[in-house]
Amino acid sequence: TAAFVVCERSEAGVSRCKVEHLPVP
């Protein structure tokens, strides 16, 4: 696994991000 920053942005421009450990392709 590796650290990834994962963000979701709404149409209103609000961003929510977190760091997750995800499998490395």
mmCIF file of all heavy atoms, coordinates in Angstrom:
data_MODEL
# 
_entry.id   MODEL 
# 
loop_
_atom_site.group_PDB 
_atom_site.id 
_atom_site.type_symbol 
_atom_site.label_atom_id 
_atom_site.label_alt_id 
_atom_site.label_comp_id 
_atom_site.label_asym_id 
_atom_site.label_entity_id 
_atom_site.label_seq_id 
_atom_site.pdbx_PDB_ins_code 
_atom_site.Cartn_x 
_atom_site.Cartn_y 
_atom_site.Cartn_z 
_atom_site.occupancy 
_atom_site.B_iso_or_equiv 
_atom_site.pdbx_formal_charge 
_atom_site.auth_seq_id 
_atom_site.auth_comp_id 
_atom_site.auth_asym_id 
_atom_site.auth_atom_id 
_atom_site.pdbx_PDB_model_num 
ATOM 1   N N   . THR A 1 1  ? 0.841   -1.189 0.000   1.00 0.00 ? 1  THR A N   1 
ATOM 2   C CA  . THR A 1 1  ? 0.000   0.000  0.000   1.00 0.00 ? 1  THR A CA  1 
ATOM 3   C C   . THR A 1 1  ? 0.880   1.244  0.000   1.00 0.00 ? 1  THR A C   1 
ATOM 4   O O   . THR A 1 1  ? 2.056   1.176  0.332   1.00 0.00 ? 1  THR A O   1 
ATOM 5   C CB  . THR A 1 1  ? -0.933  0.050  1.230   1.00 0.00 ? 1  THR A CB  1 
ATOM 6   O OG1 . THR A 1 1  ? -0.143  0.139  2.408   1.00 0.00 ? 1  THR A OG1 1 
ATOM 7   C CG2 . THR A 1 1  ? -1.841  -1.164 1.278   1.00 0.00 ? 1  THR A CG2 1 
ATOM 8   N N   . ALA A 1 2  ? 0.285   2.343  -0.390  1.00 0.00 ? 2  ALA A N   1 
ATOM 9   C CA  . ALA A 1 2  ? 0.981   3.637  -0.390  1.00 0.00 ? 2  ALA A CA  1 
ATOM 10  C C   . ALA A 1 2  ? -0.002  4.697  0.062   1.00 0.00 ? 2  ALA A C   1 
ATOM 11  O O   . ALA A 1 2  ? -1.217  4.515  -0.008  1.00 0.00 ? 2  ALA A O   1 
ATOM 12  C CB  . ALA A 1 2  ? 1.505   3.959  -1.782  1.00 0.00 ? 2  ALA A CB  1 
ATOM 13  N N   . ALA A 1 3  ? 0.532   5.813  0.517   1.00 0.00 ? 3  ALA A N   1 
ATOM 14  C CA  . ALA A 1 3  ? -0.302  6.928  0.939   1.00 0.00 ? 3  ALA A CA  1 
ATOM 15  C C   . ALA A 1 3  ? -0.833  7.671  -0.287  1.00 0.00 ? 3  ALA A C   1 
ATOM 16  O O   . ALA A 1 3  ? -0.088  7.952  -1.229  1.00 0.00 ? 3  ALA A O   1 
ATOM 17  C CB  . ALA A 1 3  ? 0.497   7.868  1.828   1.00 0.00 ? 3  ALA A CB  1 
ATOM 18  N N   . PHE A 1 4  ? -2.112  7.952  -0.259  1.00 0.00 ? 4  PHE A N   1 
ATOM 19  C CA  . PHE A 1 4  ? -2.782  8.725  -1.304  1.00 0.00 ? 4  PHE A CA  1 
ATOM 20  C C   . PHE A 1 4  ? -3.569  9.841  -0.631  1.00 0.00 ? 4  PHE A C   1 
ATOM 21  O O   . PHE A 1 4  ? -4.125  9.638  0.455   1.00 0.00 ? 4  PHE A O   1 
ATOM 22  C CB  . PHE A 1 4  ? -3.788  7.862  -2.092  1.00 0.00 ? 4  PHE A CB  1 
ATOM 23  C CG  . PHE A 1 4  ? -3.171  6.915  -3.075  1.00 0.00 ? 4  PHE A CG  1 
ATOM 24  C CD1 . PHE A 1 4  ? -2.599  5.731  -2.653  1.00 0.00 ? 4  PHE A CD1 1 
ATOM 25  C CD2 . PHE A 1 4  ? -3.180  7.200  -4.431  1.00 0.00 ? 4  PHE A CD2 1 
ATOM 26  C CE1 . PHE A 1 4  ? -2.035  4.839  -3.558  1.00 0.00 ? 4  PHE A CE1 1 
ATOM 27  C CE2 . PHE A 1 4  ? -2.621  6.313  -5.352  1.00 0.00 ? 4  PHE A CE2 1 
ATOM 28  C CZ  . PHE A 1 4  ? -2.054  5.132  -4.910  1.00 0.00 ? 4  PHE A CZ  1 
ATOM 29  N N   . VAL A 1 5  ? -3.634  10.989 -1.257  1.00 0.00 ? 5  VAL A N   1 
ATOM 30  C CA  . VAL A 1 5  ? -4.554  12.028 -0.819  1.00 0.00 ? 5  VAL A CA  1 
ATOM 31  C C   . VAL A 1 5  ? -5.802  11.849 -1.676  1.00 0.00 ? 5  VAL A C   1 
ATOM 32  O O   . VAL A 1 5  ? -5.721  11.709 -2.900  1.00 0.00 ? 5  VAL A O   1 
ATOM 33  C CB  . VAL A 1 5  ? -3.952  13.451 -0.914  1.00 0.00 ? 5  VAL A CB  1 
ATOM 34  C CG1 . VAL A 1 5  ? -3.624  13.843 -2.329  1.00 0.00 ? 5  VAL A CG1 1 
ATOM 35  C CG2 . VAL A 1 5  ? -4.869  14.467 -0.273  1.00 0.00 ? 5  VAL A CG2 1 
ATOM 36  N N   . VAL A 1 6  ? -6.960  11.766 -1.013  1.00 0.00 ? 6  VAL A N   1 
ATOM 37  C CA  . VAL A 1 6  ? -8.231  11.505 -1.685  1.00 0.00 ? 6  VAL A CA  1 
ATOM 38  C C   . VAL A 1 6  ? -9.163  12.669 -1.371  1.00 0.00 ? 6  VAL A C   1 
ATOM 39  O O   . VAL A 1 6  ? -9.448  12.948 -0.207  1.00 0.00 ? 6  VAL A O   1 
ATOM 40  C CB  . VAL A 1 6  ? -8.851  10.177 -1.189  1.00 0.00 ? 6  VAL A CB  1 
ATOM 41  C CG1 . VAL A 1 6  ? -10.185 9.921  -1.868  1.00 0.00 ? 6  VAL A CG1 1 
ATOM 42  C CG2 . VAL A 1 6  ? -7.892  9.025  -1.409  1.00 0.00 ? 6  VAL A CG2 1 
ATOM 43  N N   . CYS A 1 7  ? -9.619  13.353 -2.420  1.00 0.00 ? 7  CYS A N   1 
ATOM 44  C CA  . CYS A 1 7  ? -10.453 14.545 -2.249  1.00 0.00 ? 7  CYS A CA  1 
ATOM 45  C C   . CYS A 1 7  ? -11.745 14.411 -3.045  1.00 0.00 ? 7  CYS A C   1 
ATOM 46  O O   . CYS A 1 7  ? -11.754 13.824 -4.125  1.00 0.00 ? 7  CYS A O   1 
ATOM 47  C CB  . CYS A 1 7  ? -9.732  15.795 -2.731  1.00 0.00 ? 7  CYS A CB  1 
ATOM 48  S SG  . CYS A 1 7  ? -8.142  16.088 -1.958  1.00 0.00 ? 7  CYS A SG  1 
ATOM 49  N N   . GLU A 1 8  ? -12.789 15.009 -2.498  1.00 0.00 ? 8  GLU A N   1 
ATOM 50  C CA  . GLU A 1 8  ? -14.057 15.150 -3.206  1.00 0.00 ? 8  GLU A CA  1 
ATOM 51  C C   . GLU A 1 8  ? -14.397 16.628 -3.207  1.00 0.00 ? 8  GLU A C   1 
ATOM 52  O O   . GLU A 1 8  ? -14.325 17.283 -2.171  1.00 0.00 ? 8  GLU A O   1 
ATOM 53  C CB  . GLU A 1 8  ? -15.158 14.351 -2.526  1.00 0.00 ? 8  GLU A CB  1 
ATOM 54  C CG  . GLU A 1 8  ? -14.964 12.854 -2.620  1.00 0.00 ? 8  GLU A CG  1 
ATOM 55  C CD  . GLU A 1 8  ? -16.125 12.089 -2.006  1.00 0.00 ? 8  GLU A CD  1 
ATOM 56  O OE1 . GLU A 1 8  ? -16.937 12.684 -1.275  1.00 0.00 ? 8  GLU A OE1 1 
ATOM 57  O OE2 . GLU A 1 8  ? -16.206 10.886 -2.262  1.00 0.00 ? 8  GLU A OE2 1 
ATOM 58  N N   . ARG A 1 9  ? -14.748 17.149 -4.394  1.00 0.00 ? 9  ARG A N   1 
ATOM 59  C CA  . ARG A 1 9  ? -15.112 18.548 -4.535  1.00 0.00 ? 9  ARG A CA  1 
ATOM 60  C C   . ARG A 1 9  ? -16.535 18.639 -5.050  1.00 0.00 ? 9  ARG A C   1 
ATOM 61  O O   . ARG A 1 9  ? -16.872 18.039 -6.055  1.00 0.00 ? 9  ARG A O   1 
ATOM 62  C CB  . ARG A 1 9  ? -14.177 19.261 -5.519  1.00 0.00 ? 9  ARG A CB  1 
ATOM 63  C CG  . ARG A 1 9  ? -12.750 19.323 -5.076  1.00 0.00 ? 9  ARG A CG  1 
ATOM 64  C CD  . ARG A 1 9  ? -11.844 20.120 -6.027  1.00 0.00 ? 9  ARG A CD  1 
ATOM 65  N NE  . ARG A 1 9  ? -12.343 20.389 -7.357  1.00 0.00 ? 9  ARG A NE  1 
ATOM 66  C CZ  . ARG A 1 9  ? -12.087 19.638 -8.422  1.00 0.00 ? 9  ARG A CZ  1 
ATOM 67  N NH1 . ARG A 1 9  ? -11.381 18.535 -8.319  1.00 0.00 ? 9  ARG A NH1 1 
ATOM 68  N NH2 . ARG A 1 9  ? -12.551 19.974 -9.602  1.00 0.00 ? 9  ARG A NH2 1 
ATOM 69  N N   . SER A 1 10 ? -17.356 19.404 -4.382  1.00 0.00 ? 10 SER A N   1 
ATOM 70  C CA  . SER A 1 10 ? -18.727 19.592 -4.838  1.00 0.00 ? 10 SER A CA  1 
ATOM 71  C C   . SER A 1 10 ? -18.775 20.694 -5.888  1.00 0.00 ? 10 SER A C   1 
ATOM 72  O O   . SER A 1 10 ? -17.806 21.434 -6.075  1.00 0.00 ? 10 SER A O   1 
ATOM 73  C CB  . SER A 1 10 ? -19.630 19.963 -3.657  1.00 0.00 ? 10 SER A CB  1 
ATOM 74  O OG  . SER A 1 10 ? -19.338 21.275 -3.222  1.00 0.00 ? 10 SER A OG  1 
ATOM 75  N N   . GLU A 1 11 ? -19.909 20.823 -6.553  1.00 0.00 ? 11 GLU A N   1 
ATOM 76  C CA  . GLU A 1 11 ? -20.087 21.898 -7.535  1.00 0.00 ? 11 GLU A CA  1 
ATOM 77  C C   . GLU A 1 11 ? -19.960 23.262 -6.878  1.00 0.00 ? 11 GLU A C   1 
ATOM 78  O O   . GLU A 1 11 ? -19.580 24.230 -7.519  1.00 0.00 ? 11 GLU A O   1 
ATOM 79  C CB  . GLU A 1 11 ? -21.444 21.770 -8.228  1.00 0.00 ? 11 GLU A CB  1 
ATOM 80  C CG  . GLU A 1 11 ? -21.497 20.673 -9.256  1.00 0.00 ? 11 GLU A CG  1 
ATOM 81  C CD  . GLU A 1 11 ? -22.828 20.632 -9.973  1.00 0.00 ? 11 GLU A CD  1 
ATOM 82  O OE1 . GLU A 1 11 ? -23.668 21.530 -9.780  1.00 0.00 ? 11 GLU A OE1 1 
ATOM 83  O OE2 . GLU A 1 11 ? -23.028 19.683 -10.742 1.00 0.00 ? 11 GLU A OE2 1 
ATOM 84  N N   . ALA A 1 12 ? -20.238 23.319 -5.580  1.00 0.00 ? 12 ALA A N   1 
ATOM 85  C CA  . ALA A 1 12 ? -20.134 24.581 -4.847  1.00 0.00 ? 12 ALA A CA  1 
ATOM 86  C C   . ALA A 1 12 ? -18.678 24.940 -4.550  1.00 0.00 ? 12 ALA A C   1 
ATOM 87  O O   . ALA A 1 12 ? -18.405 26.001 -4.013  1.00 0.00 ? 12 ALA A O   1 
ATOM 88  C CB  . ALA A 1 12 ? -20.923 24.486 -3.550  1.00 0.00 ? 12 ALA A CB  1 
ATOM 89  N N   . GLY A 1 13 ? -17.733 24.043 -4.887  1.00 0.00 ? 13 GLY A N   1 
ATOM 90  C CA  . GLY A 1 13 ? -16.319 24.325 -4.686  1.00 0.00 ? 13 GLY A CA  1 
ATOM 91  C C   . GLY A 1 13 ? -15.772 23.857 -3.350  1.00 0.00 ? 13 GLY A C   1 
ATOM 92  O O   . GLY A 1 13 ? -14.616 24.096 -3.043  1.00 0.00 ? 13 GLY A O   1 
ATOM 93  N N   . VAL A 1 14 ? -16.600 23.196 -2.539  1.00 0.00 ? 14 VAL A N   1 
ATOM 94  C CA  . VAL A 1 14 ? -16.148 22.709 -1.243  1.00 0.00 ? 14 VAL A CA  1 
ATOM 95  C C   . VAL A 1 14 ? -15.336 21.429 -1.450  1.00 0.00 ? 14 VAL A C   1 
ATOM 96  O O   . VAL A 1 14 ? -15.798 20.494 -2.090  1.00 0.00 ? 14 VAL A O   1 
ATOM 97  C CB  . VAL A 1 14 ? -17.352 22.429 -0.311  1.00 0.00 ? 14 VAL A CB  1 
ATOM 98  C CG1 . VAL A 1 14 ? -16.886 21.836 1.005   1.00 0.00 ? 14 VAL A CG1 1 
ATOM 99  C CG2 . VAL A 1 14 ? -18.148 23.704 -0.080  1.00 0.00 ? 14 VAL A CG2 1 
ATOM 100 N N   . SER A 1 15 ? -14.112 21.422 -0.916  1.00 0.00 ? 15 SER A N   1 
ATOM 101 C CA  . SER A 1 15 ? -13.237 20.255 -1.033  1.00 0.00 ? 15 SER A CA  1 
ATOM 102 C C   . SER A 1 15 ? -13.073 19.596 0.320   1.00 0.00 ? 15 SER A C   1 
ATOM 103 O O   . SER A 1 15 ? -12.843 20.271 1.322   1.00 0.00 ? 15 SER A O   1 
ATOM 104 C CB  . SER A 1 15 ? -11.854 20.662 -1.558  1.00 0.00 ? 15 SER A CB  1 
ATOM 105 O OG  . SER A 1 15 ? -11.947 21.147 -2.868  1.00 0.00 ? 15 SER A OG  1 
ATOM 106 N N   . ARG A 1 16 ? -13.177 18.287 0.337   1.00 0.00 ? 16 ARG A N   1 
ATOM 107 C CA  . ARG A 1 16 ? -12.912 17.498 1.537   1.00 0.00 ? 16 ARG A CA  1 
ATOM 108 C C   . ARG A 1 16 ? -11.867 16.466 1.157   1.00 0.00 ? 16 ARG A C   1 
ATOM 109 O O   . ARG A 1 16 ? -12.094 15.660 0.253   1.00 0.00 ? 16 ARG A O   1 
ATOM 110 C CB  . ARG A 1 16 ? -14.181 16.819 2.022   1.00 0.00 ? 16 ARG A CB  1 
ATOM 111 C CG  . ARG A 1 16 ? -15.162 17.795 2.629   1.00 0.00 ? 16 ARG A CG  1 
ATOM 112 C CD  . ARG A 1 16 ? -16.323 17.071 3.291   1.00 0.00 ? 16 ARG A CD  1 
ATOM 113 N NE  . ARG A 1 16 ? -17.139 17.968 4.085   1.00 0.00 ? 16 ARG A NE  1 
ATOM 114 C CZ  . ARG A 1 16 ? -18.038 18.808 3.605   1.00 0.00 ? 16 ARG A CZ  1 
ATOM 115 N NH1 . ARG A 1 16 ? -18.218 18.860 2.308   1.00 0.00 ? 16 ARG A NH1 1 
ATOM 116 N NH2 . ARG A 1 16 ? -18.737 19.588 4.393   1.00 0.00 ? 16 ARG A NH2 1 
ATOM 117 N N   . CYS A 1 17 ? -10.735 16.507 1.859   1.00 0.00 ? 17 CYS A N   1 
ATOM 118 C CA  . CYS A 1 17 ? -9.625  15.618 1.547   1.00 0.00 ? 17 CYS A CA  1 
ATOM 119 C C   . CYS A 1 17 ? -9.199  14.832 2.779   1.00 0.00 ? 17 CYS A C   1 
ATOM 120 O O   . CYS A 1 17 ? -9.355  15.302 3.904   1.00 0.00 ? 17 CYS A O   1 
ATOM 121 C CB  . CYS A 1 17 ? -8.419  16.409 1.036   1.00 0.00 ? 17 CYS A CB  1 
ATOM 122 S SG  . CYS A 1 17 ? -8.723  17.382 -0.450  1.00 0.00 ? 17 CYS A SG  1 
ATOM 123 N N   . LYS A 1 18 ? -8.644  13.659 2.527   1.00 0.00 ? 18 LYS A N   1 
ATOM 124 C CA  . LYS A 1 18 ? -8.050  12.858 3.594   1.00 0.00 ? 18 LYS A CA  1 
ATOM 125 C C   . LYS A 1 18 ? -6.920  12.044 2.986   1.00 0.00 ? 18 LYS A C   1 
ATOM 126 O O   . LYS A 1 18 ? -6.849  11.861 1.772   1.00 0.00 ? 18 LYS A O   1 
ATOM 127 C CB  . LYS A 1 18 ? -9.086  11.944 4.246   1.00 0.00 ? 18 LYS A CB  1 
ATOM 128 C CG  . LYS A 1 18 ? -9.748  10.978 3.279   1.00 0.00 ? 18 LYS A CG  1 
ATOM 129 C CD  . LYS A 1 18 ? -10.866 10.232 3.945   1.00 0.00 ? 18 LYS A CD  1 
ATOM 130 C CE  . LYS A 1 18 ? -11.646 9.457  2.891   1.00 0.00 ? 18 LYS A CE  1 
ATOM 131 N NZ  . LYS A 1 18 ? -12.820 8.816  3.432   1.00 0.00 ? 18 LYS A NZ  1 
ATOM 132 N N   . VAL A 1 19 ? -6.016  11.585 3.843   1.00 0.00 ? 19 VAL A N   1 
ATOM 133 C CA  . VAL A 1 19 ? -4.925  10.730 3.400   1.00 0.00 ? 19 VAL A CA  1 
ATOM 134 C C   . VAL A 1 19 ? -5.307  9.306  3.753   1.00 0.00 ? 19 VAL A C   1 
ATOM 135 O O   . VAL A 1 19 ? -5.693  9.016  4.890   1.00 0.00 ? 19 VAL A O   1 
ATOM 136 C CB  . VAL A 1 19 ? -3.586  11.127 4.056   1.00 0.00 ? 19 VAL A CB  1 
ATOM 137 C CG1 . VAL A 1 19 ? -2.491  10.132 3.701   1.00 0.00 ? 19 VAL A CG1 1 
ATOM 138 C CG2 . VAL A 1 19 ? -3.187  12.528 3.608   1.00 0.00 ? 19 VAL A CG2 1 
ATOM 139 N N   . GLU A 1 20 ? -5.234  8.418  2.771   1.00 0.00 ? 20 GLU A N   1 
ATOM 140 C CA  . GLU A 1 20 ? -5.558  6.995  2.956   1.00 0.00 ? 20 GLU A CA  1 
ATOM 141 C C   . GLU A 1 20 ? -4.422  6.155  2.427   1.00 0.00 ? 20 GLU A C   1 
ATOM 142 O O   . GLU A 1 20 ? -3.717  6.553  1.501   1.00 0.00 ? 20 GLU A O   1 
ATOM 143 C CB  . GLU A 1 20 ? -6.825  6.613  2.192   1.00 0.00 ? 20 GLU A CB  1 
ATOM 144 C CG  . GLU A 1 20 ? -8.082  7.316  2.628   1.00 0.00 ? 20 GLU A CG  1 
ATOM 145 C CD  . GLU A 1 20 ? -9.293  6.865  1.824   1.00 0.00 ? 20 GLU A CD  1 
ATOM 146 O OE1 . GLU A 1 20 ? -9.151  6.083  0.854   1.00 0.00 ? 20 GLU A OE1 1 
ATOM 147 O OE2 . GLU A 1 20 ? -10.391 7.315  2.150   1.00 0.00 ? 20 GLU A OE2 1 
ATOM 148 N N   . HIS A 1 21 ? -4.271  4.959  3.000   1.00 0.00 ? 21 HIS A N   1 
ATOM 149 C CA  . HIS A 1 21 ? -3.319  3.992  2.448   1.00 0.00 ? 21 HIS A CA  1 
ATOM 150 C C   . HIS A 1 21 ? -4.126  3.044  1.571   1.00 0.00 ? 21 HIS A C   1 
ATOM 151 O O   . HIS A 1 21 ? -5.023  2.352  2.043   1.00 0.00 ? 21 HIS A O   1 
ATOM 152 C CB  . HIS A 1 21 ? -2.576  3.246  3.565   1.00 0.00 ? 21 HIS A CB  1 
ATOM 153 C CG  . HIS A 1 21 ? -1.507  4.087  4.159   1.00 0.00 ? 21 HIS A CG  1 
ATOM 154 N ND1 . HIS A 1 21 ? -0.206  4.082  3.697   1.00 0.00 ? 21 HIS A ND1 1 
ATOM 155 C CD2 . HIS A 1 21 ? -1.539  5.007  5.139   1.00 0.00 ? 21 HIS A CD2 1 
ATOM 156 C CE1 . HIS A 1 21 ? 0.498   4.941  4.374   1.00 0.00 ? 21 HIS A CE1 1 
ATOM 157 N NE2 . HIS A 1 21 ? -0.282  5.521  5.265   1.00 0.00 ? 21 HIS A NE2 1 
ATOM 158 N N   . LEU A 1 22 ? -3.799  3.053  0.277   1.00 0.00 ? 22 LEU A N   1 
ATOM 159 C CA  . LEU A 1 22 ? -4.516  2.262  -0.727  1.00 0.00 ? 22 LEU A CA  1 
ATOM 160 C C   . LEU A 1 22 ? -3.542  1.298  -1.381  1.00 0.00 ? 22 LEU A C   1 
ATOM 161 O O   . LEU A 1 22 ? -2.336  1.557  -1.419  1.00 0.00 ? 22 LEU A O   1 
ATOM 162 C CB  . LEU A 1 22 ? -5.140  3.184  -1.776  1.00 0.00 ? 22 LEU A CB  1 
ATOM 163 C CG  . LEU A 1 22 ? -6.117  4.244  -1.259  1.00 0.00 ? 22 LEU A CG  1 
ATOM 164 C CD1 . LEU A 1 22 ? -6.513  5.184  -2.384  1.00 0.00 ? 22 LEU A CD1 1 
ATOM 165 C CD2 . LEU A 1 22 ? -7.336  3.580  -0.647  1.00 0.00 ? 22 LEU A CD2 1 
ATOM 166 N N   . PRO A 1 23 ? -4.046  0.194  -1.931  1.00 0.00 ? 23 PRO A N   1 
ATOM 167 C CA  . PRO A 1 23 ? -3.158  -0.733 -2.644  1.00 0.00 ? 23 PRO A CA  1 
ATOM 168 C C   . PRO A 1 23 ? -2.459  -0.043 -3.820  1.00 0.00 ? 23 PRO A C   1 
ATOM 169 O O   . PRO A 1 23 ? -3.039  0.794  -4.491  1.00 0.00 ? 23 PRO A O   1 
ATOM 170 C CB  . PRO A 1 23 ? -4.109  -1.818 -3.149  1.00 0.00 ? 23 PRO A CB  1 
ATOM 171 C CG  . PRO A 1 23 ? -5.313  -1.722 -2.289  1.00 0.00 ? 23 PRO A CG  1 
ATOM 172 C CD  . PRO A 1 23 ? -5.426  -0.265 -1.900  1.00 0.00 ? 23 PRO A CD  1 
ATOM 173 N N   . VAL A 1 24 ? -1.202  -0.397 -4.011  1.00 0.00 ? 24 VAL A N   1 
ATOM 174 C CA  . VAL A 1 24 ? -0.426  0.148  -5.116  1.00 0.00 ? 24 VAL A CA  1 
ATOM 175 C C   . VAL A 1 24 ? -0.705  -0.694 -6.341  1.00 0.00 ? 24 VAL A C   1 
ATOM 176 O O   . VAL A 1 24 ? -0.562  -1.925 -6.296  1.00 0.00 ? 24 VAL A O   1 
ATOM 177 C CB  . VAL A 1 24 ? 1.088   0.119  -4.787  1.00 0.00 ? 24 VAL A CB  1 
ATOM 178 C CG1 . VAL A 1 24 ? 1.904   0.588  -5.971  1.00 0.00 ? 24 VAL A CG1 1 
ATOM 179 C CG2 . VAL A 1 24 ? 1.369   0.952  -3.555  1.00 0.00 ? 24 VAL A CG2 1 
ATOM 180 N N   . PRO A 1 25 ? -1.115  -0.067 -7.444  1.00 0.00 ? 25 PRO A N   1 
ATOM 181 C CA  . PRO A 1 25 ? -1.367  -0.842 -8.661  1.00 0.00 ? 25 PRO A CA  1 
ATOM 182 C C   . PRO A 1 25 ? -0.080  -1.512 -9.139  1.00 0.00 ? 25 PRO A C   1 
ATOM 183 O O   . PRO A 1 25 ? 0.990   -0.909 -9.116  1.00 0.00 ? 25 PRO A O   1 
ATOM 184 C CB  . PRO A 1 25 ? -1.840  0.197  -9.680  1.00 0.00 ? 25 PRO A CB  1 
ATOM 185 C CG  . PRO A 1 25 ? -2.138  1.423  -8.900  1.00 0.00 ? 25 PRO A CG  1 
ATOM 186 C CD  . PRO A 1 25 ? -1.372  1.353  -7.614  1.00 0.00 ? 25 PRO A CD  1 
# 
